[in-house]
């Protein structure tokens, strides 16, 4: 996966399903203010990471992507599956946080 491929992947496979289900996720977090805040911060953090990748400020992204693309893809797939089940929106939020964490590692290590 290239850095352009990562941006496309993050937009279509990570951000899009989360945005489509954001209200349901927040509702499923059962008014847990801390969990809702973490979820909202993860959304903002993902946008910031995508912006960094788009601006091309990272020199060694391709190497890091090769190292982490498998867990990143697996995390996004698990997140999408969890979002497909109405009762598992809270689990989807947790998986989303994991995916955002992996992307942050890619960006930080590059």
PDB file of N, CA and C in Angstrom:
ATOM      1  N   UNK A   1       0.852  -1.175   0.000  1.00  0.00           N
ATOM      2  CA  UNK A   1       0.000   0.000   0.000  1.00  0.00           C
ATOM      3  C   UNK A   1       0.899   1.240   0.000  1.00  0.00           C
ATOM      4  N   UNK A   2       0.588   2.199  -0.849  1.00  0.00           N
ATOM      5  CA  UNK A   2       1.331   3.459  -0.904  1.00  0.00           C
ATOM      6  C   UNK A   2       0.651   4.479   0.007  1.00  0.00           C
ATOM      7  N   UNK A   3       1.277   5.630   0.195  1.00  0.00           N
ATOM      8  CA  UNK A   3       0.657   6.659   1.031  1.00  0.00           C
ATOM      9  C   UNK A   3      -0.645   7.157   0.409  1.00  0.00           C
ATOM     10  N   UNK A   4      -0.696   7.267  -0.929  1.00  0.00           N
ATOM     11  CA  UNK A   4      -1.954   7.645  -1.592  1.00  0.00           C
ATOM     12  C   UNK A   4      -3.013   6.564  -1.392  1.00  0.00           C
ATOM     13  N   UNK A   5      -2.589   5.314  -1.472  1.00  0.00           N
ATOM     14  CA  UNK A   5      -3.507   4.205  -1.236  1.00  0.00           C
ATOM     15  C   UNK A   5      -4.017   4.201   0.189  1.00  0.00           C
ATOM     16  N   UNK A   6      -3.137   4.560   1.128  1.00  0.00           N
ATOM     17  CA  UNK A   6      -3.555   4.629   2.526  1.00  0.00           C
ATOM     18  C   UNK A   6      -4.604   5.704   2.729  1.00  0.00           C
ATOM     19  N   UNK A   7      -4.401   6.877   2.133  1.00  0.00           N
ATOM     20  CA  UNK A   7      -5.379   7.961   2.260  1.00  0.00           C
ATOM     21  C   UNK A   7      -6.731   7.518   1.706  1.00  0.00           C
ATOM     22  N   UNK A   8      -6.719   6.895   0.542  1.00  0.00           N
ATOM     23  CA  UNK A   8      -7.959   6.403  -0.064  1.00  0.00           C
ATOM     24  C   UNK A   8      -8.613   5.350   0.826  1.00  0.00           C
ATOM     25  N   UNK A   9      -7.821   4.421   1.336  1.00  0.00           N
ATOM     26  CA  UNK A   9      -8.305   3.379   2.244  1.00  0.00           C
ATOM     27  C   UNK A   9      -8.930   3.996   3.492  1.00  0.00           C
ATOM     28  N   UNK A  10      -8.243   4.966   4.082  1.00  0.00           N
ATOM     29  CA  UNK A  10      -8.747   5.590   5.302  1.00  0.00           C
ATOM     30  C   UNK A  10     -10.059   6.327   5.053  1.00  0.00           C
ATOM     31  N   UNK A  11     -10.152   6.979   3.920  1.00  0.00           N
ATOM     32  CA  UNK A  11     -11.388   7.700   3.609  1.00  0.00           C
ATOM     33  C   UNK A  11     -12.560   6.748   3.379  1.00  0.00           C
ATOM     34  N   UNK A  12     -12.325   5.710   2.565  1.00  0.00           N
ATOM     35  CA  UNK A  12     -13.427   4.840   2.144  1.00  0.00           C
ATOM     36  C   UNK A  12     -13.729   3.704   3.110  1.00  0.00           C
ATOM     37  N   UNK A  13     -12.696   3.129   3.713  1.00  0.00           N
ATOM     38  CA  UNK A  13     -12.888   1.935   4.530  1.00  0.00           C
ATOM     39  C   UNK A  13     -12.935   2.215   6.029  1.00  0.00           C
ATOM     40  N   UNK A  14     -12.451   3.372   6.437  1.00  0.00           N
ATOM     41  CA  UNK A  14     -12.436   3.684   7.870  1.00  0.00           C
ATOM     42  C   UNK A  14     -13.347   4.866   8.178  1.00  0.00           C
ATOM     43  N   UNK A  15     -13.063   6.016   7.573  1.00  0.00           N
ATOM     44  CA  UNK A  15     -13.829   7.203   7.910  1.00  0.00           C
ATOM     45  C   UNK A  15     -15.287   7.103   7.455  1.00  0.00           C
ATOM     46  N   UNK A  16     -15.537   6.688   6.233  1.00  0.00           N
ATOM     47  CA  UNK A  16     -16.905   6.669   5.689  1.00  0.00           C
ATOM     48  C   UNK A  16     -17.870   5.823   6.530  1.00  0.00           C
ATOM     49  N   UNK A  17     -17.526   4.569   6.882  1.00  0.00           N
ATOM     50  CA  UNK A  17     -18.480   3.803   7.693  1.00  0.00           C
ATOM     51  C   UNK A  17     -18.691   4.396   9.083  1.00  0.00           C
ATOM     52  N   UNK A  18     -17.648   4.993   9.627  1.00  0.00           N
ATOM     53  CA  UNK A  18     -17.799   5.618  10.946  1.00  0.00           C
ATOM     54  C   UNK A  18     -18.727   6.821  10.855  1.00  0.00           C
ATOM     55  N   UNK A  19     -18.541   7.644   9.843  1.00  0.00           N
ATOM     56  CA  UNK A  19     -19.394   8.827   9.705  1.00  0.00           C
ATOM     57  C   UNK A  19     -20.849   8.443   9.440  1.00  0.00           C
ATOM     58  N   UNK A  20     -21.064   7.393   8.646  1.00  0.00           N
ATOM     59  CA  UNK A  20     -22.440   6.934   8.385  1.00  0.00           C
ATOM     60  C   UNK A  20     -23.127   6.461   9.657  1.00  0.00           C
ATOM     61  N   UNK A  21     -22.358   5.955  10.598  1.00  0.00           N
ATOM     62  CA  UNK A  21     -22.921   5.359  11.806  1.00  0.00           C
ATOM     63  C   UNK A  21     -22.621   6.150  13.076  1.00  0.00           C
ATOM     64  N   UNK A  22     -22.116   7.362  12.955  1.00  0.00           N
ATOM     65  CA  UNK A  22     -21.672   8.125  14.126  1.00  0.00           C
ATOM     66  C   UNK A  22     -22.787   8.313  15.161  1.00  0.00           C
ATOM     67  N   UNK A  23     -23.975   8.664  14.719  1.00  0.00           N
ATOM     68  CA  UNK A  23     -25.076   8.861  15.679  1.00  0.00           C
ATOM     69  C   UNK A  23     -25.407   7.581  16.428  1.00  0.00           C
ATOM     70  N   UNK A  24     -25.463   6.482  15.707  1.00  0.00           N
ATOM     71  CA  UNK A  24     -25.782   5.200  16.338  1.00  0.00           C
ATOM     72  C   UNK A  24     -24.677   4.783  17.311  1.00  0.00           C
ATOM     73  N   UNK A  25     -23.429   5.060  16.948  1.00  0.00           N
ATOM     74  CA  UNK A  25     -22.323   4.723  17.840  1.00  0.00           C
ATOM     75  C   UNK A  25     -22.433   5.518  19.136  1.00  0.00           C
ATOM     76  N   UNK A  26     -22.647   6.814  19.012  1.00  0.00           N
ATOM     77  CA  UNK A  26     -22.774   7.662  20.206  1.00  0.00           C
ATOM     78  C   UNK A  26     -23.951   7.188  21.056  1.00  0.00           C
ATOM     79  N   UNK A  27     -25.069   6.884  20.401  1.00  0.00           N
ATOM     80  CA  UNK A  27     -26.240   6.396  21.138  1.00  0.00           C
ATOM     81  C   UNK A  27     -25.923   5.085  21.849  1.00  0.00           C
ATOM     82  N   UNK A  28     -25.180   4.205  21.192  1.00  0.00           N
ATOM     83  CA  UNK A  28     -24.875   2.895  21.762  1.00  0.00           C
ATOM     84  C   UNK A  28     -23.857   2.979  22.889  1.00  0.00           C
ATOM     85  N   UNK A  29     -23.152   4.073  22.981  1.00  0.00           N
ATOM     86  CA  UNK A  29     -22.207   4.247  24.083  1.00  0.00           C
ATOM     87  C   UNK A  29     -22.921   4.594  25.388  1.00  0.00           C
ATOM     88  N   UNK A  30     -24.231   4.621  25.340  1.00  0.00           N
ATOM     89  CA  UNK A  30     -25.082   4.725  26.535  1.00  0.00           C
ATOM     90  C   UNK A  30     -24.743   5.910  27.436  1.00  0.00           C
ATOM     91  N   UNK A  31     -24.575   7.047  26.835  1.00  0.00           N
ATOM     92  CA  UNK A  31     -24.337   8.282  27.595  1.00  0.00           C
ATOM     93  C   UNK A  31     -23.081   8.217  28.464  1.00  0.00           C
ATOM     94  N   UNK A  32     -22.144   7.362  28.095  1.00  0.00           N
ATOM     95  CA  UNK A  32     -20.855   7.296  28.776  1.00  0.00           C
ATOM     96  C   UNK A  32     -20.013   8.456  28.240  1.00  0.00           C
ATOM     97  N   UNK A  33     -19.978   9.538  28.989  1.00  0.00           N
ATOM     98  CA  UNK A  33     -19.345  10.768  28.518  1.00  0.00           C
ATOM     99  C   UNK A  33     -17.884  10.556  28.118  1.00  0.00           C
ATOM    100  N   UNK A  34     -17.150   9.779  28.891  1.00  0.00           N
ATOM    101  CA  UNK A  34     -15.734   9.551  28.575  1.00  0.00           C
ATOM    102  C   UNK A  34     -15.573   8.752  27.281  1.00  0.00           C
ATOM    103  N   UNK A  35     -16.406   7.733  27.096  1.00  0.00           N
ATOM    104  CA  UNK A  35     -16.333   6.926  25.874  1.00  0.00           C
ATOM    105  C   UNK A  35     -16.722   7.765  24.657  1.00  0.00           C
ATOM    106  N   UNK A  36     -17.737   8.590  24.802  1.00  0.00           N
ATOM    107  CA  UNK A  36     -18.158   9.458  23.697  1.00  0.00           C
ATOM    108  C   UNK A  36     -17.057  10.453  23.364  1.00  0.00           C
ATOM    109  N   UNK A  37     -16.446  11.022  24.385  1.00  0.00           N
ATOM    110  CA  UNK A  37     -15.350  11.974  24.148  1.00  0.00           C
ATOM    111  C   UNK A  37     -14.181  11.295  23.438  1.00  0.00           C
ATOM    112  N   UNK A  38     -13.823  10.076  23.862  1.00  0.00           N
ATOM    113  CA  UNK A  38     -12.728   9.341  23.203  1.00  0.00           C
ATOM    114  C   UNK A  38     -13.066   9.094  21.736  1.00  0.00           C
ATOM    115  N   UNK A  39     -14.321   8.691  21.468  1.00  0.00           N
ATOM    116  CA  UNK A  39     -14.747   8.432  20.098  1.00  0.00           C
ATOM    117  C   UNK A  39     -14.644   9.699  19.252  1.00  0.00           C
ATOM    118  N   UNK A  40     -15.125  10.818  19.787  1.00  0.00           N
ATOM    119  CA  UNK A  40     -15.073  12.080  19.038  1.00  0.00           C
ATOM    120  C   UNK A  40     -13.622  12.512  18.804  1.00  0.00           C
ATOM    121  N   UNK A  41     -12.773  12.323  19.798  1.00  0.00           N
ATOM    122  CA  UNK A  41     -11.358  12.667  19.623  1.00  0.00           C
ATOM    123  C   UNK A  41     -10.691  11.766  18.591  1.00  0.00           C
ATOM    124  N   UNK A  42     -11.067  10.487  18.556  1.00  0.00           N
ATOM    125  CA  UNK A  42     -10.527   9.586  17.536  1.00  0.00           C
ATOM    126  C   UNK A  42     -10.922  10.044  16.141  1.00  0.00           C
ATOM    127  N   UNK A  43     -12.145  10.524  15.990  1.00  0.00           N
ATOM    128  CA  UNK A  43     -12.598  11.032  14.684  1.00  0.00           C
ATOM    129  C   UNK A  43     -11.740  12.222  14.255  1.00  0.00           C
ATOM    130  N   UNK A  44     -11.521  13.150  15.178  1.00  0.00           N
ATOM    131  CA  UNK A  44     -10.699  14.325  14.880  1.00  0.00           C
ATOM    132  C   UNK A  44      -9.260  13.903  14.573  1.00  0.00           C
ATOM    133  N   UNK A  45      -8.741  12.979  15.375  1.00  0.00           N
ATOM    134  CA  UNK A  45      -7.368  12.519  15.185  1.00  0.00           C
ATOM    135  C   UNK A  45      -7.200  11.875  13.812  1.00  0.00           C
ATOM    136  N   UNK A  46      -8.173  11.067  13.387  1.00  0.00           N
ATOM    137  CA  UNK A  46      -8.081  10.455  12.062  1.00  0.00           C
ATOM    138  C   UNK A  46      -8.045  11.529  10.978  1.00  0.00           C
ATOM    139  N   UNK A  47      -8.886  12.541  11.092  1.00  0.00           N
ATOM    140  CA  UNK A  47      -8.871  13.624  10.097  1.00  0.00           C
ATOM    141  C   UNK A  47      -7.510  14.309  10.050  1.00  0.00           C
ATOM    142  N   UNK A  48      -6.911  14.532  11.222  1.00  0.00           N
ATOM    143  CA  UNK A  48      -5.590  15.161  11.266  1.00  0.00           C
ATOM    144  C   UNK A  48      -4.538  14.278  10.593  1.00  0.00           C
ATOM    145  N   UNK A  49      -4.612  12.975  10.855  1.00  0.00           N
ATOM    146  CA  UNK A  49      -3.657  12.049  10.246  1.00  0.00           C
ATOM    147  C   UNK A  49      -3.820  12.005   8.729  1.00  0.00           C
ATOM    148  N   UNK A  50      -5.056  11.992   8.266  1.00  0.00           N
ATOM    149  CA  UNK A  50      -5.304  12.007   6.819  1.00  0.00           C
ATOM    150  C   UNK A  50      -4.736  13.283   6.215  1.00  0.00           C
ATOM    151  N   UNK A  51      -4.947  14.408   6.879  1.00  0.00           N
ATOM    152  CA  UNK A  51      -4.404  15.679   6.381  1.00  0.00           C
ATOM    153  C   UNK A  51      -2.878  15.636   6.289  1.00  0.00           C
ATOM    154  N   UNK A  52      -2.233  15.065   7.297  1.00  0.00           N
ATOM    155  CA  UNK A  52      -0.770  14.958   7.262  1.00  0.00           C
ATOM    156  C   UNK A  52      -0.325  14.114   6.079  1.00  0.00           C
ATOM    157  N   UNK A  53      -1.014  13.002   5.858  1.00  0.00           N
ATOM    158  CA  UNK A  53      -0.656  12.142   4.727  1.00  0.00           C
ATOM    159  C   UNK A  53      -0.885  12.855   3.400  1.00  0.00           C
ATOM    160  N   UNK A  54      -1.985  13.601   3.303  1.00  0.00           N
ATOM    161  CA  UNK A  54      -2.294  14.321   2.064  1.00  0.00           C
ATOM    162  C   UNK A  54      -1.267  15.404   1.770  1.00  0.00           C
ATOM    163  N   UNK A  55      -0.752  16.027   2.799  1.00  0.00           N
ATOM    164  CA  UNK A  55       0.219  17.092   2.612  1.00  0.00           C
ATOM    165  C   UNK A  55       1.599  16.556   2.250  1.00  0.00           C
ATOM    166  N   UNK A  56       1.756  15.251   2.345  1.00  0.00           N
ATOM    167  CA  UNK A  56       3.014  14.629   1.935  1.00  0.00           C
ATOM    168  C   UNK A  56       4.199  15.010   2.773  1.00  0.00           C
ATOM    169  N   UNK A  57       3.986  15.287   4.048  1.00  0.00           N
ATOM    170  CA  UNK A  57       5.079  15.693   4.916  1.00  0.00           C
ATOM    171  C   UNK A  57       5.889  14.501   5.423  1.00  0.00           C
ATOM    172  N   UNK A  58       5.459  13.314   5.064  1.00  0.00           N
ATOM    173  CA  UNK A  58       6.110  12.121   5.591  1.00  0.00           C
ATOM    174  C   UNK A  58       6.991  11.497   4.512  1.00  0.00           C
ATOM    175  N   UNK A  59       8.214  11.171   4.878  1.00  0.00           N
ATOM    176  CA  UNK A  59       9.160  10.666   3.896  1.00  0.00           C
ATOM    177  C   UNK A  59       9.206   9.139   3.830  1.00  0.00           C
ATOM    178  N   UNK A  60       8.995   8.480   4.944  1.00  0.00           N
ATOM    179  CA  UNK A  60       9.226   7.038   5.009  1.00  0.00           C
ATOM    180  C   UNK A  60       7.927   6.265   5.230  1.00  0.00           C
ATOM    181  N   UNK A  61       6.815   6.777   4.705  1.00  0.00           N
ATOM    182  CA  UNK A  61       5.507   6.168   4.946  1.00  0.00           C
ATOM    183  C   UNK A  61       5.416   4.780   4.326  1.00  0.00           C
ATOM    184  N   UNK A  62       5.923   4.597   3.119  1.00  0.00           N
ATOM    185  CA  UNK A  62       5.780   3.314   2.437  1.00  0.00           C
ATOM    186  C   UNK A  62       6.379   2.160   3.242  1.00  0.00           C
ATOM    187  N   UNK A  63       7.532   2.375   3.847  1.00  0.00           N
ATOM    188  CA  UNK A  63       8.157   1.319   4.660  1.00  0.00           C
ATOM    189  C   UNK A  63       7.261   0.969   5.839  1.00  0.00           C
ATOM    190  N   UNK A  64       6.751   1.974   6.528  1.00  0.00           N
ATOM    191  CA  UNK A  64       5.886   1.736   7.689  1.00  0.00           C
ATOM    192  C   UNK A  64       4.578   1.077   7.272  1.00  0.00           C
ATOM    193  N   UNK A  65       4.086   1.441   6.107  1.00  0.00           N
ATOM    194  CA  UNK A  65       2.845   0.833   5.616  1.00  0.00           C
ATOM    195  C   UNK A  65       3.029  -0.661   5.374  1.00  0.00           C
ATOM    196  N   UNK A  66       4.166  -1.028   4.824  1.00  0.00           N
ATOM    197  CA  UNK A  66       4.424  -2.457   4.598  1.00  0.00           C
ATOM    198  C   UNK A  66       4.436  -3.207   5.922  1.00  0.00           C
ATOM    199  N   UNK A  67       4.955  -2.585   6.953  1.00  0.00           N
ATOM    200  CA  UNK A  67       5.035  -3.227   8.259  1.00  0.00           C
ATOM    201  C   UNK A  67       3.673  -3.343   8.936  1.00  0.00           C
ATOM    202  N   UNK A  68       2.802  -2.360   8.737  1.00  0.00           N
ATOM    203  CA  UNK A  68       1.552  -2.305   9.493  1.00  0.00           C
ATOM    204  C   UNK A  68       0.290  -2.440   8.651  1.00  0.00           C
ATOM    205  N   UNK A  69       0.417  -2.655   7.347  1.00  0.00           N
ATOM    206  CA  UNK A  69      -0.787  -2.685   6.519  1.00  0.00           C
ATOM    207  C   UNK A  69      -1.688  -3.873   6.834  1.00  0.00           C
ATOM    208  N   UNK A  70      -1.115  -5.012   7.192  1.00  0.00           N
ATOM    209  CA  UNK A  70      -1.956  -6.175   7.509  1.00  0.00           C
ATOM    210  C   UNK A  70      -2.821  -5.936   8.751  1.00  0.00           C
ATOM    211  N   UNK A  71      -2.251  -5.510   9.897  1.00  0.00           N
ATOM    212  CA  UNK A  71      -3.130  -5.250  11.040  1.00  0.00           C
ATOM    213  C   UNK A  71      -4.093  -4.084  10.792  1.00  0.00           C
ATOM    214  N   UNK A  72      -3.665  -3.106  10.011  1.00  0.00           N
ATOM    215  CA  UNK A  72      -4.544  -1.988   9.691  1.00  0.00           C
ATOM    216  C   UNK A  72      -5.753  -2.470   8.889  1.00  0.00           C
ATOM    217  N   UNK A  73      -5.512  -3.272   7.873  1.00  0.00           N
ATOM    218  CA  UNK A  73      -6.602  -3.809   7.061  1.00  0.00           C
ATOM    219  C   UNK A  73      -7.504  -4.711   7.891  1.00  0.00           C
ATOM    220  N   UNK A  74      -6.915  -5.549   8.729  1.00  0.00           N
ATOM    221  CA  UNK A  74      -7.708  -6.440   9.575  1.00  0.00           C
ATOM    222  C   UNK A  74      -8.561  -5.645  10.563  1.00  0.00           C
ATOM    223  N   UNK A  75      -7.996  -4.591  11.133  1.00  0.00           N
ATOM    224  CA  UNK A  75      -8.751  -3.754  12.064  1.00  0.00           C
ATOM    225  C   UNK A  75      -9.912  -3.055  11.383  1.00  0.00           C
ATOM    226  N   UNK A  76      -9.690  -2.551  10.186  1.00  0.00           N
ATOM    227  CA  UNK A  76     -10.767  -1.882   9.449  1.00  0.00           C
ATOM    228  C   UNK A  76     -11.861  -2.869   9.073  1.00  0.00           C
ATOM    229  N   UNK A  77     -11.476  -4.072   8.683  1.00  0.00           N
ATOM    230  CA  UNK A  77     -12.470  -5.096   8.333  1.00  0.00           C
ATOM    231  C   UNK A  77     -13.303  -5.460   9.559  1.00  0.00           C
ATOM    232  N   UNK A  78     -12.652  -5.659  10.696  1.00  0.00           N
ATOM    233  CA  UNK A  78     -13.373  -5.987  11.927  1.00  0.00           C
ATOM    234  C   UNK A  78     -14.298  -4.844  12.340  1.00  0.00           C
ATOM    235  N   UNK A  79     -13.830  -3.603  12.159  1.00  0.00           N
ATOM    236  CA  UNK A  79     -14.653  -2.442  12.492  1.00  0.00           C
ATOM    237  C   UNK A  79     -15.908  -2.408  11.636  1.00  0.00           C
ATOM    238  N   UNK A  80     -15.745  -2.627  10.336  1.00  0.00           N
ATOM    239  CA  UNK A  80     -16.893  -2.608   9.432  1.00  0.00           C
ATOM    240  C   UNK A  80     -17.874  -3.729   9.774  1.00  0.00           C
ATOM    241  N   UNK A  81     -17.361  -4.912  10.133  1.00  0.00           N
ATOM    242  CA  UNK A  81     -18.249  -6.007  10.514  1.00  0.00           C
ATOM    243  C   UNK A  81     -19.014  -5.665  11.780  1.00  0.00           C
ATOM    244  N   UNK A  82     -18.340  -5.057  12.749  1.00  0.00           N
ATOM    245  CA  UNK A  82     -19.008  -4.678  13.992  1.00  0.00           C
ATOM    246  C   UNK A  82     -20.075  -3.629  13.726  1.00  0.00           C
ATOM    247  N   UNK A  83     -19.797  -2.699  12.832  1.00  0.00           N
ATOM    248  CA  UNK A  83     -20.777  -1.666  12.517  1.00  0.00           C
ATOM    249  C   UNK A  83     -21.980  -2.244  11.788  1.00  0.00           C
ATOM    250  N   UNK A  84     -21.812  -3.393  11.165  1.00  0.00           N
ATOM    251  CA  UNK A  84     -22.910  -4.031  10.460  1.00  0.00           C
ATOM    252  C   UNK A  84     -23.930  -4.654  11.393  1.00  0.00           C
ATOM    253  N   UNK A  85     -23.594  -4.758  12.667  1.00  0.00           N
ATOM    254  CA  UNK A  85     -24.495  -5.341  13.658  1.00  0.00           C
ATOM    255  C   UNK A  85     -24.933  -4.240  14.607  1.00  0.00           C
ATOM    256  N   UNK A  86     -26.193  -3.939  14.632  1.00  0.00           N
ATOM    257  CA  UNK A  86     -26.712  -2.804  15.397  1.00  0.00           C
ATOM    258  C   UNK A  86     -26.267  -2.852  16.851  1.00  0.00           C
ATOM    259  N   UNK A  87     -26.243  -4.003  17.449  1.00  0.00           N
ATOM    260  CA  UNK A  87     -25.920  -4.067  18.879  1.00  0.00           C
ATOM    261  C   UNK A  87     -24.433  -3.913  19.163  1.00  0.00           C
ATOM    262  N   UNK A  88     -23.614  -3.865  18.112  1.00  0.00           N
ATOM    263  CA  UNK A  88     -22.176  -3.819  18.322  1.00  0.00           C
ATOM    264  C   UNK A  88     -21.543  -2.478  17.958  1.00  0.00           C
ATOM    265  N   UNK A  89     -22.320  -1.399  17.965  1.00  0.00           N
ATOM    266  CA  UNK A  89     -21.748  -0.093  17.632  1.00  0.00           C
ATOM    267  C   UNK A  89     -20.660   0.319  18.617  1.00  0.00           C
ATOM    268  N   UNK A  90     -20.844   0.002  19.895  1.00  0.00           N
ATOM    269  CA  UNK A  90     -19.819   0.348  20.881  1.00  0.00           C
ATOM    270  C   UNK A  90     -18.522  -0.399  20.581  1.00  0.00           C
ATOM    271  N   UNK A  91     -18.629  -1.657  20.172  1.00  0.00           N
ATOM    272  CA  UNK A  91     -17.454  -2.421  19.781  1.00  0.00           C
ATOM    273  C   UNK A  91     -16.810  -1.798  18.542  1.00  0.00           C
ATOM    274  N   UNK A  92     -17.643  -1.316  17.627  1.00  0.00           N
ATOM    275  CA  UNK A  92     -17.124  -0.640  16.440  1.00  0.00           C
ATOM    276  C   UNK A  92     -16.307   0.582  16.815  1.00  0.00           C
ATOM    277  N   UNK A  93     -16.764   1.323  17.827  1.00  0.00           N
ATOM    278  CA  UNK A  93     -16.017   2.499  18.282  1.00  0.00           C
ATOM    279  C   UNK A  93     -14.667   2.093  18.847  1.00  0.00           C
ATOM    280  N   UNK A  94     -14.615   0.986  19.570  1.00  0.00           N
ATOM    281  CA  UNK A  94     -13.341   0.507  20.117  1.00  0.00           C
ATOM    282  C   UNK A  94     -12.395   0.077  18.994  1.00  0.00           C
ATOM    283  N   UNK A  95     -12.934  -0.627  18.010  1.00  0.00           N
ATOM    284  CA  UNK A  95     -12.105  -1.047  16.883  1.00  0.00           C
ATOM    285  C   UNK A  95     -11.627   0.153  16.076  1.00  0.00           C
ATOM    286  N   UNK A  96     -12.489   1.164  15.949  1.00  0.00           N
ATOM    287  CA  UNK A  96     -12.103   2.396  15.266  1.00  0.00           C
ATOM    288  C   UNK A  96     -10.907   3.029  15.967  1.00  0.00           C
ATOM    289  N   UNK A  97     -10.936   3.047  17.294  1.00  0.00           N
ATOM    290  CA  UNK A  97      -9.818   3.605  18.061  1.00  0.00           C
ATOM    291  C   UNK A  97      -8.533   2.823  17.778  1.00  0.00           C
ATOM    292  N   UNK A  98      -8.642   1.510  17.627  1.00  0.00           N
ATOM    293  CA  UNK A  98      -7.479   0.687  17.314  1.00  0.00           C
ATOM    294  C   UNK A  98      -6.917   1.032  15.942  1.00  0.00           C
ATOM    295  N   UNK A  99      -7.801   1.190  14.971  1.00  0.00           N
ATOM    296  CA  UNK A  99      -7.364   1.545  13.619  1.00  0.00           C
ATOM    297  C   UNK A  99      -6.690   2.918  13.621  1.00  0.00           C
ATOM    298  N   UNK A 100      -7.295   3.879  14.303  1.00  0.00           N
ATOM    299  CA  UNK A 100      -6.697   5.219  14.383  1.00  0.00           C
ATOM    300  C   UNK A 100      -5.325   5.138  15.050  1.00  0.00           C
ATOM    301  N   UNK A 101      -5.208   4.304  16.070  1.00  0.00           N
ATOM    302  CA  UNK A 101      -3.915   4.120  16.733  1.00  0.00           C
ATOM    303  C   UNK A 101      -2.856   3.569  15.795  1.00  0.00           C
ATOM    304  N   UNK A 102      -3.241   2.603  14.961  1.00  0.00           N
ATOM    305  CA  UNK A 102      -2.293   2.058  13.989  1.00  0.00           C
ATOM    306  C   UNK A 102      -1.865   3.114  12.975  1.00  0.00           C
ATOM    307  N   UNK A 103      -2.815   3.906  12.505  1.00  0.00           N
ATOM    308  CA  UNK A 103      -2.485   4.975  11.551  1.00  0.00           C
ATOM    309  C   UNK A 103      -1.549   5.983  12.223  1.00  0.00           C
ATOM    310  N   UNK A 104      -1.817   6.306  13.473  1.00  0.00           N
ATOM    311  CA  UNK A 104      -0.955   7.240  14.198  1.00  0.00           C
ATOM    312  C   UNK A 104       0.464   6.695  14.298  1.00  0.00           C
ATOM    313  N   UNK A 105       0.587   5.378  14.515  1.00  0.00           N
ATOM    314  CA  UNK A 105       1.918   4.771  14.571  1.00  0.00           C
ATOM    315  C   UNK A 105       2.636   4.902  13.238  1.00  0.00           C
ATOM    316  N   UNK A 106       1.907   4.688  12.156  1.00  0.00           N
ATOM    317  CA  UNK A 106       2.511   4.824  10.824  1.00  0.00           C
ATOM    318  C   UNK A 106       3.038   6.236  10.628  1.00  0.00           C
ATOM    319  N   UNK A 107       2.204   7.201  10.969  1.00  0.00           N
ATOM    320  CA  UNK A 107       2.575   8.607  10.774  1.00  0.00           C
ATOM    321  C   UNK A 107       3.721   8.991  11.707  1.00  0.00           C
ATOM    322  N   UNK A 108       3.658   8.561  12.959  1.00  0.00           N
ATOM    323  CA  UNK A 108       4.690   8.938  13.934  1.00  0.00           C
ATOM    324  C   UNK A 108       6.031   8.321  13.614  1.00  0.00           C
ATOM    325  N   UNK A 109       6.037   7.102  13.113  1.00  0.00           N
ATOM    326  CA  UNK A 109       7.294   6.404  12.861  1.00  0.00           C
ATOM    327  C   UNK A 109       7.920   6.772  11.523  1.00  0.00           C
ATOM    328  N   UNK A 110       7.139   7.433  10.675  1.00  0.00           N
ATOM    329  CA  UNK A 110       7.670   7.754   9.342  1.00  0.00           C
ATOM    330  C   UNK A 110       8.570   8.959   9.384  1.00  0.00           C
TER     331      UNK A 110
END
